[in-house]
Protein backbone atom coordinates (compact mmCIF):
# COMPACT_ATOMS: atom_id res chain seq x y z
CA MET A 1 127.20 83.78 73.32
CA ASP A 2 130.07 82.55 75.51
CA PHE A 3 127.53 80.92 77.88
CA ASN A 4 125.83 79.12 75.02
CA VAL A 5 129.14 77.73 73.80
CA ARG A 6 129.99 76.41 77.24
CA LYS A 7 126.52 74.89 77.59
CA LEU A 8 126.82 73.29 74.18
CA ALA A 9 130.18 71.85 75.11
CA ALA A 10 128.77 70.52 78.40
CA ASP A 11 125.79 68.93 76.62
CA ALA A 12 128.15 67.36 74.09
CA GLY A 13 130.24 65.94 76.92
CA ILE A 14 127.18 64.45 78.60
CA PHE A 15 125.99 62.96 75.30
CA PHE A 16 129.43 61.44 74.67
CA SER A 17 129.54 60.01 78.19
CA ARG A 18 126.13 58.40 77.72
CA ALA A 19 127.12 56.99 74.34
CA VAL A 20 130.27 55.43 75.81
CA GLN A 21 128.32 53.94 78.72
CA PHE A 22 125.63 52.54 76.41
CA THR A 23 128.22 50.99 74.08
CA GLU A 24 130.18 49.40 76.92
CA GLU A 25 126.96 47.96 78.35
CA ARG A 26 126.15 46.43 74.98
CA LEU A 27 129.60 44.93 74.81
CA GLY A 28 129.37 43.62 78.37
CA GLN A 29 132.22 45.84 79.56
CA ALA A 30 130.23 47.98 82.00
CA GLU A 31 127.66 47.36 84.72
CA LYS A 32 124.06 48.45 84.32
CA THR A 33 121.69 49.59 87.03
CA GLU A 34 118.68 47.28 86.89
CA LEU A 35 115.17 48.41 87.68
CA ASP A 36 113.18 46.48 90.26
CA ALA A 37 110.75 43.73 89.17
CA HIS A 38 107.66 45.83 89.90
CA PHE A 39 108.96 48.65 87.74
CA GLU A 40 109.76 46.22 84.92
CA ASN A 41 106.22 44.82 85.13
CA LEU A 42 104.82 48.34 84.88
CA LEU A 43 106.94 48.98 81.78
CA SER A 44 105.84 45.73 80.16
CA ARG A 45 102.17 46.43 80.94
CA ALA A 46 102.46 49.92 79.49
CA ASP A 47 104.06 48.65 76.28
CA CYS A 48 101.36 45.99 75.95
CA THR A 49 98.64 48.60 76.46
CA LYS A 50 100.13 50.89 73.84
CA ASN A 51 100.58 48.14 71.24
CA TRP A 52 97.07 46.70 71.56
CA THR A 53 95.42 50.10 71.82
CA GLU A 54 97.13 51.09 68.58
CA LYS A 55 95.99 47.90 66.83
CA ILE A 56 92.40 48.23 68.08
CA TYR A 57 92.33 51.89 67.09
CA ARG A 58 93.63 51.24 63.55
CA GLN A 59 91.28 48.31 62.93
CA THR A 60 88.27 50.19 64.30
CA GLU A 61 89.11 52.99 61.88
CA VAL A 62 89.17 50.49 59.02
CA MET A 63 85.84 48.99 60.12
CA LEU A 64 84.11 52.35 60.40
CA GLN A 65 85.66 53.77 57.23
CA PRO A 66 86.93 51.05 54.83
CA ASN A 67 87.94 53.63 52.21
CA PRO A 68 91.64 54.49 52.82
CA GLY A 69 91.34 57.65 50.71
CA ALA A 70 88.54 58.93 52.92
CA ARG A 71 90.58 58.16 56.04
CA ILE A 72 93.54 60.11 54.68
CA GLU A 73 91.27 63.03 53.85
CA GLU A 74 89.81 63.04 57.36
CA PHE A 75 93.35 62.89 58.81
CA LEU A 76 94.46 65.91 56.77
CA TYR A 77 91.40 67.93 57.75
CA GLU A 78 92.05 67.07 61.39
CA LYS A 79 95.71 68.15 61.18
CA LEU A 80 94.66 71.40 59.50
CA ASP A 81 92.12 71.90 62.30
CA ARG A 82 89.31 72.14 59.79
CA LYS A 83 85.88 70.53 59.83
CA VAL A 84 85.49 67.49 57.60
CA PRO A 85 82.89 68.23 54.90
CA PRO A 86 79.75 66.04 55.16
CA ARG A 87 80.00 62.92 53.03
CA PRO A 88 76.92 60.80 52.18
CA THR A 89 77.12 57.13 53.09
CA ASN A 90 76.86 54.38 50.50
CA GLY A 91 73.34 53.59 51.67
CA GLU A 92 72.22 57.18 51.18
CA ILE A 93 73.74 57.25 47.69
CA LEU A 94 72.07 53.96 46.77
CA GLY A 95 68.74 55.20 48.09
CA GLN A 96 69.02 58.39 46.04
CA PHE A 97 69.78 56.38 42.89
CA MET A 98 66.74 54.18 43.50
CA LEU A 99 64.46 57.19 43.96
CA GLU A 100 65.77 58.78 40.78
CA ALA A 101 65.32 55.51 38.90
CA ALA A 102 61.73 55.29 40.17
CA LYS A 103 60.99 58.70 38.62
CA GLU A 104 62.33 57.47 35.29
CA PHE A 105 60.44 54.17 35.34
CA GLY A 106 57.27 55.74 36.68
CA PRO A 107 56.27 55.74 40.36
CA GLY A 108 52.94 54.14 39.40
CA THR A 109 54.57 51.01 37.97
CA PRO A 110 55.19 47.95 40.16
CA TYR A 111 58.95 48.32 39.81
CA GLY A 112 58.93 52.08 40.32
CA SER A 113 56.74 52.01 43.43
CA THR A 114 58.90 49.29 44.98
CA LEU A 115 62.05 51.26 44.17
CA ILE A 116 60.59 54.21 46.07
CA LYS A 117 59.95 52.10 49.17
CA VAL A 118 63.33 50.37 49.08
CA GLY A 119 65.17 53.59 48.20
CA ASP A 120 63.61 55.43 51.14
CA CYS A 121 64.61 52.57 53.42
CA GLN A 122 68.19 52.65 52.09
CA ARG A 123 68.40 56.37 52.78
CA ARG A 124 67.26 55.84 56.35
CA LEU A 125 69.76 53.01 56.76
CA GLY A 126 72.47 55.30 55.42
CA GLY A 127 71.45 58.04 57.83
CA ALA A 128 71.59 55.59 60.73
CA GLU A 129 75.04 54.48 59.58
CA ARG A 130 76.30 58.07 59.48
CA GLU A 131 75.02 58.69 63.00
CA PHE A 132 76.65 55.45 64.16
CA LEU A 133 79.99 56.43 62.63
CA GLN A 134 79.94 59.87 64.23
CA THR A 135 78.95 58.59 67.67
CA SER A 136 81.51 55.75 67.57
CA SER A 137 84.25 58.16 66.60
CA ILE A 138 83.47 60.45 69.53
CA SER A 139 82.81 57.81 72.19
CA PHE A 140 85.46 55.22 71.26
CA LEU A 141 88.05 56.35 68.73
CA THR A 142 88.72 59.76 70.25
CA PRO A 143 89.65 58.45 73.75
CA LEU A 144 91.98 55.86 72.20
CA ARG A 145 93.63 58.51 70.03
CA ASN A 146 93.96 60.86 72.99
CA PHE A 147 95.83 58.17 74.89
CA LEU A 148 98.18 57.42 71.99
CA GLU A 149 98.85 61.06 71.16
CA GLY A 150 98.76 62.44 74.71
CA ASP A 151 99.37 60.16 77.68
CA TRP A 152 101.60 57.74 75.82
CA ARG A 153 103.82 60.48 74.42
CA THR A 154 104.28 61.85 77.95
CA ILE A 155 105.15 58.38 79.25
CA SER A 156 107.61 57.81 76.40
CA LYS A 157 109.27 61.16 77.03
CA GLU A 158 109.72 60.45 80.75
CA ARG A 159 111.00 56.94 80.01
CA ARG A 160 113.66 58.35 77.70
CA LEU A 161 114.63 60.85 80.37
CA LEU A 162 114.82 58.03 82.93
CA GLU A 163 117.12 56.05 80.63
CA ASN A 164 119.40 59.09 80.29
CA ARG A 165 119.51 59.50 84.07
CA ARG A 166 120.42 55.83 84.43
CA LEU A 167 123.24 56.16 81.90
CA ASP A 168 124.53 59.21 83.77
CA LEU A 169 124.41 57.30 87.07
CA ASP A 170 126.21 54.27 85.68
CA ALA A 171 128.81 56.50 84.01
CA CYS A 172 129.48 58.13 87.39
CA LYS A 173 129.86 54.70 88.99
CA ALA A 174 132.35 53.74 86.30
CA ARG A 175 134.39 56.92 86.86
CA LEU A 176 134.41 56.30 90.59
CA LYS A 177 135.87 52.84 90.04
CA LYS A 178 138.56 54.25 87.78
CA ALA A 179 139.51 57.13 90.13
CA LYS A 180 143.03 56.75 91.57
CA THR A 181 143.57 59.79 93.77
CA ALA A 182 141.55 60.76 96.83
CA GLU A 183 140.56 64.06 95.20
CA ALA A 184 139.31 62.28 92.06
CA LYS A 185 137.37 59.79 94.18
CA ALA A 186 135.72 62.57 96.17
CA ALA A 187 134.64 64.37 93.01
CA ALA A 188 133.36 61.13 91.50
CA GLU A 189 131.42 60.30 94.67
CA HIS A 190 129.79 63.74 94.66
CA GLU A 191 128.81 63.34 91.00
CA MET A 192 127.41 59.88 91.73
CA ARG A 193 125.28 61.15 94.63
CA VAL A 194 123.84 63.90 92.44
CA ALA A 195 123.20 61.44 89.61
CA GLN A 196 121.59 58.97 92.04
CA THR A 197 119.24 61.67 93.34
CA GLU A 198 118.21 62.71 89.85
CA PHE A 199 117.72 59.07 88.84
CA ASP A 200 115.54 58.32 91.88
CA ARG A 201 113.44 61.43 91.30
CA GLN A 202 112.92 60.58 87.63
CA ALA A 203 112.15 56.94 88.46
CA GLU A 204 109.39 58.07 90.83
CA VAL A 205 107.87 60.38 88.19
CA THR A 206 107.94 57.61 85.60
CA ARG A 207 106.52 55.06 88.05
CA LEU A 208 103.52 57.28 88.81
CA LEU A 209 102.82 57.69 85.11
CA LEU A 210 103.08 53.96 84.52
CA GLU A 211 100.73 53.19 87.39
CA GLY A 212 98.25 55.53 85.73
CA ILE A 213 97.84 52.87 83.01
CA SER A 214 95.30 51.22 85.33
CA SER A 215 93.13 54.34 85.09
CA THR A 216 93.58 54.22 81.34
CA HIS A 217 92.21 50.68 81.28
CA VAL A 218 89.18 51.77 83.32
CA ASN A 219 88.52 54.65 80.93
CA HIS A 220 88.93 52.45 77.85
CA LEU A 221 86.59 49.86 79.39
CA ARG A 222 83.90 52.50 79.80
CA CYS A 223 84.42 53.68 76.21
CA LEU A 224 84.29 50.10 74.95
CA CYS A 225 80.94 49.53 76.67
CA GLU A 226 79.61 52.73 75.13
CA PHE A 227 80.79 51.55 71.71
CA VAL A 228 78.94 48.26 72.16
CA GLU A 229 75.77 50.11 73.17
CA VAL A 230 76.00 52.38 70.13
CA GLN A 231 76.63 49.43 67.85
CA ALA A 232 73.69 47.50 69.31
CA MET A 233 71.39 50.50 68.85
CA TYR A 234 72.56 50.88 65.24
CA TYR A 235 71.91 47.27 64.31
CA SER A 236 68.57 47.31 66.13
CA GLN A 237 67.58 50.43 64.23
CA CYS A 238 68.58 48.84 60.92
CA HIS A 239 66.61 45.70 61.82
CA ASN A 240 63.53 47.78 62.56
CA TYR A 241 63.86 49.62 59.25
CA MET A 242 64.11 46.34 57.34
CA GLN A 243 61.12 44.84 59.16
CA GLU A 244 59.10 47.94 58.36
CA LEU A 245 60.14 47.66 54.71
CA GLN A 246 59.12 44.01 54.61
CA ARG A 247 55.72 44.88 56.05
CA GLU A 248 55.26 47.61 53.46
CA LEU A 249 56.18 45.24 50.64
CA GLY A 250 53.88 42.60 52.11
CA ARG A 251 50.94 45.01 52.00
CA SER A 252 51.83 46.28 48.53
CA PRO A 253 49.97 44.82 45.51
CA HIS A 254 53.39 44.65 43.82
CA SER A 255 55.21 42.94 46.71
CA LEU A 256 57.52 40.01 46.17
CA GLU A 257 57.27 36.61 47.76
CA VAL A 258 60.74 35.30 48.52
CA ASN A 259 61.14 31.52 48.29
CA SER A 260 64.17 29.38 48.81
CA HIS A 261 66.14 28.12 45.82
CA PRO A 262 69.01 25.67 45.32
CA ALA A 263 72.45 26.94 46.27
CA GLY A 264 74.62 27.90 43.32
CA SER A 265 71.66 28.29 40.98
CA PRO A 266 70.00 31.43 39.62
CA THR A 267 67.23 33.05 41.58
CA ASP A 268 64.03 31.05 41.39
CA PRO A 269 61.67 32.98 39.08
CA SER A 270 58.76 31.96 41.29
CA THR A 271 60.02 34.55 43.79
CA PHE A 272 58.88 37.24 41.36
CA LEU A 273 55.25 36.13 41.11
CA PRO A 274 52.91 38.89 42.37
CA LEU A 275 51.14 37.75 45.52
CA ASN A 276 47.77 39.19 44.47
CA SER A 277 48.07 38.27 40.82
CA PRO A 278 48.22 34.47 40.53
CA SER A 279 48.91 33.11 37.09
CA LEU A 280 46.39 31.13 35.11
CA LEU A 281 48.07 27.85 36.01
CA GLU A 282 47.67 28.50 39.77
CA THR A 283 43.88 28.84 39.74
CA ASP A 284 41.59 26.07 40.88
CA ALA A 285 39.72 26.25 37.57
CA LEU A 286 42.64 24.90 35.58
CA GLN A 287 44.86 21.96 36.52
CA ILE A 288 48.29 21.35 35.04
CA GLU A 289 47.13 18.02 33.60
CA GLU A 290 44.48 19.83 31.54
CA VAL A 291 47.03 22.00 29.72
CA GLN A 292 47.51 20.91 26.12
CA PRO A 293 50.42 21.94 23.89
CA PRO A 294 49.52 24.40 21.14
CA ALA A 295 49.31 23.17 17.56
CA SER A 296 52.51 25.08 16.85
CA GLY A 297 55.09 26.81 19.01
CA THR A 298 56.70 23.96 20.95
CA ARG A 299 60.46 24.15 21.28
CA LYS A 300 63.31 22.09 22.62
CA ALA A 301 65.27 23.42 25.57
CA LYS A 302 68.45 22.35 27.33
CA VAL A 303 68.39 22.42 31.13
CA LEU A 304 71.25 24.51 32.55
CA TYR A 305 70.87 23.75 36.27
CA ASP A 306 69.21 21.23 38.53
CA TYR A 307 65.82 22.40 39.75
CA ASP A 308 63.61 20.81 42.40
CA ALA A 309 59.89 21.32 41.91
CA GLY A 310 58.32 23.54 44.54
CA ASP A 311 54.90 21.88 44.27
CA SER A 312 52.92 19.39 42.18
CA SER A 313 52.36 21.92 39.38
CA GLU A 314 56.10 22.20 38.66
CA LEU A 315 58.49 19.82 36.89
CA SER A 316 61.83 18.88 38.44
CA LEU A 317 64.82 19.31 36.14
CA ARG A 318 68.30 17.85 35.85
CA ALA A 319 71.20 19.70 34.27
CA ASP A 320 71.99 18.96 30.59
CA GLU A 321 68.76 17.09 29.84
CA LEU A 322 66.55 18.09 26.87
CA ILE A 323 62.84 18.80 27.31
CA THR A 324 60.00 20.21 25.23
CA VAL A 325 58.65 23.58 26.31
CA TYR A 326 55.81 25.87 25.31
CA THR A 327 53.68 28.64 26.76
CA VAL A 328 49.93 29.10 27.19
CA PRO A 329 47.80 32.25 27.27
CA GLY A 330 47.79 34.07 30.61
CA MET A 331 50.96 32.41 31.84
CA ASP A 332 53.66 34.40 33.62
CA SER A 333 56.53 35.23 31.24
CA ASP A 334 59.10 33.82 33.69
CA TRP A 335 57.64 30.33 33.31
CA LEU A 336 57.03 27.78 30.57
CA ILE A 337 55.28 24.43 30.42
CA GLY A 338 57.85 21.65 30.19
CA GLU A 339 57.30 18.07 29.05
CA ARG A 340 59.57 15.08 29.49
CA GLY A 341 57.93 11.86 28.33
CA ASN A 342 54.66 11.53 30.27
CA GLN A 343 55.70 14.14 32.85
CA LYS A 344 54.49 17.71 32.56
CA GLY A 345 54.82 20.84 34.70
CA LYS A 346 55.88 24.43 35.00
CA VAL A 347 59.60 25.16 34.58
CA PRO A 348 61.51 28.41 35.15
CA VAL A 349 62.85 30.11 32.02
CA THR A 350 66.15 31.11 33.67
CA TYR A 351 67.06 27.44 34.10
CA LEU A 352 66.76 26.76 30.39
CA GLU A 353 68.65 27.39 27.16
CA LEU A 354 66.03 27.55 24.39
CA LEU A 355 67.16 25.77 21.27
CA SER A 356 66.07 26.88 17.80
């Protein structure tokens, strides 16, 4: 117990001496041992590496898992040294919803059969995403985290110890200057030599750790290249899945033909025309000029958006104009016949407000 008290008193004395030296340095009343330029460059490079590694690590986490709640949950499981329970990706959830919806609507219907194809593709995309997230976490995030939580903590600890040794050395130098008697000077010189030795030893240890940052850069470069490879494989896999889905929809009797439409306007209803089921107005047997309005059933309609005709059978529209519209037997429900003066052609229903 007596030894512990003496040690505590000695530690308190050292702490007080360091505090006095640090304060006097801040006030410009004491000299400070400066590190050489090479050592300062190593310190600056290490700080830069730590700061940017931390930023890259945090932002990569956000990119791979945008949900902050999920990130917190994964962090807690990791700290508790427990395995994170499997969590389906958004693509897998969407695919499951589509498959369940297809059962409700009927897998034999055009909509239901297409939902099955798209839902299966979404599930595969989700599975590819989960594999990408796991591989990226192991090959890229884990090495960055190991550096921040391992190597950098060791470097920080040794840097703090080096700073303490410097304060001790400078405090000894200050006492030597203040010594008046020969005996006091001899004791101060001995303390300074011991402090100088400890400072030099600690500076060498810290320098070796700081020079190891170059190896850290090499390791992070390798991990970064692996991350790029994994990311490229993931996007290539997704692209292949989507191409396969497009081919399946192209072979399907219920597939959709996607056409361009004006920006800022609703989707062109012509994109929903079945490829193998042309409407009556698209057949060679019946031209748009031959269509006559029914004896009853014509209505006025206000145009909501500009629409440029896709071919000669359609009628271009301008927003806010009034036209006469009607339907004919066998015509797709997404289209009407529109008349404006002597002009006549098909017009999309979603571009119109039917007036009573």
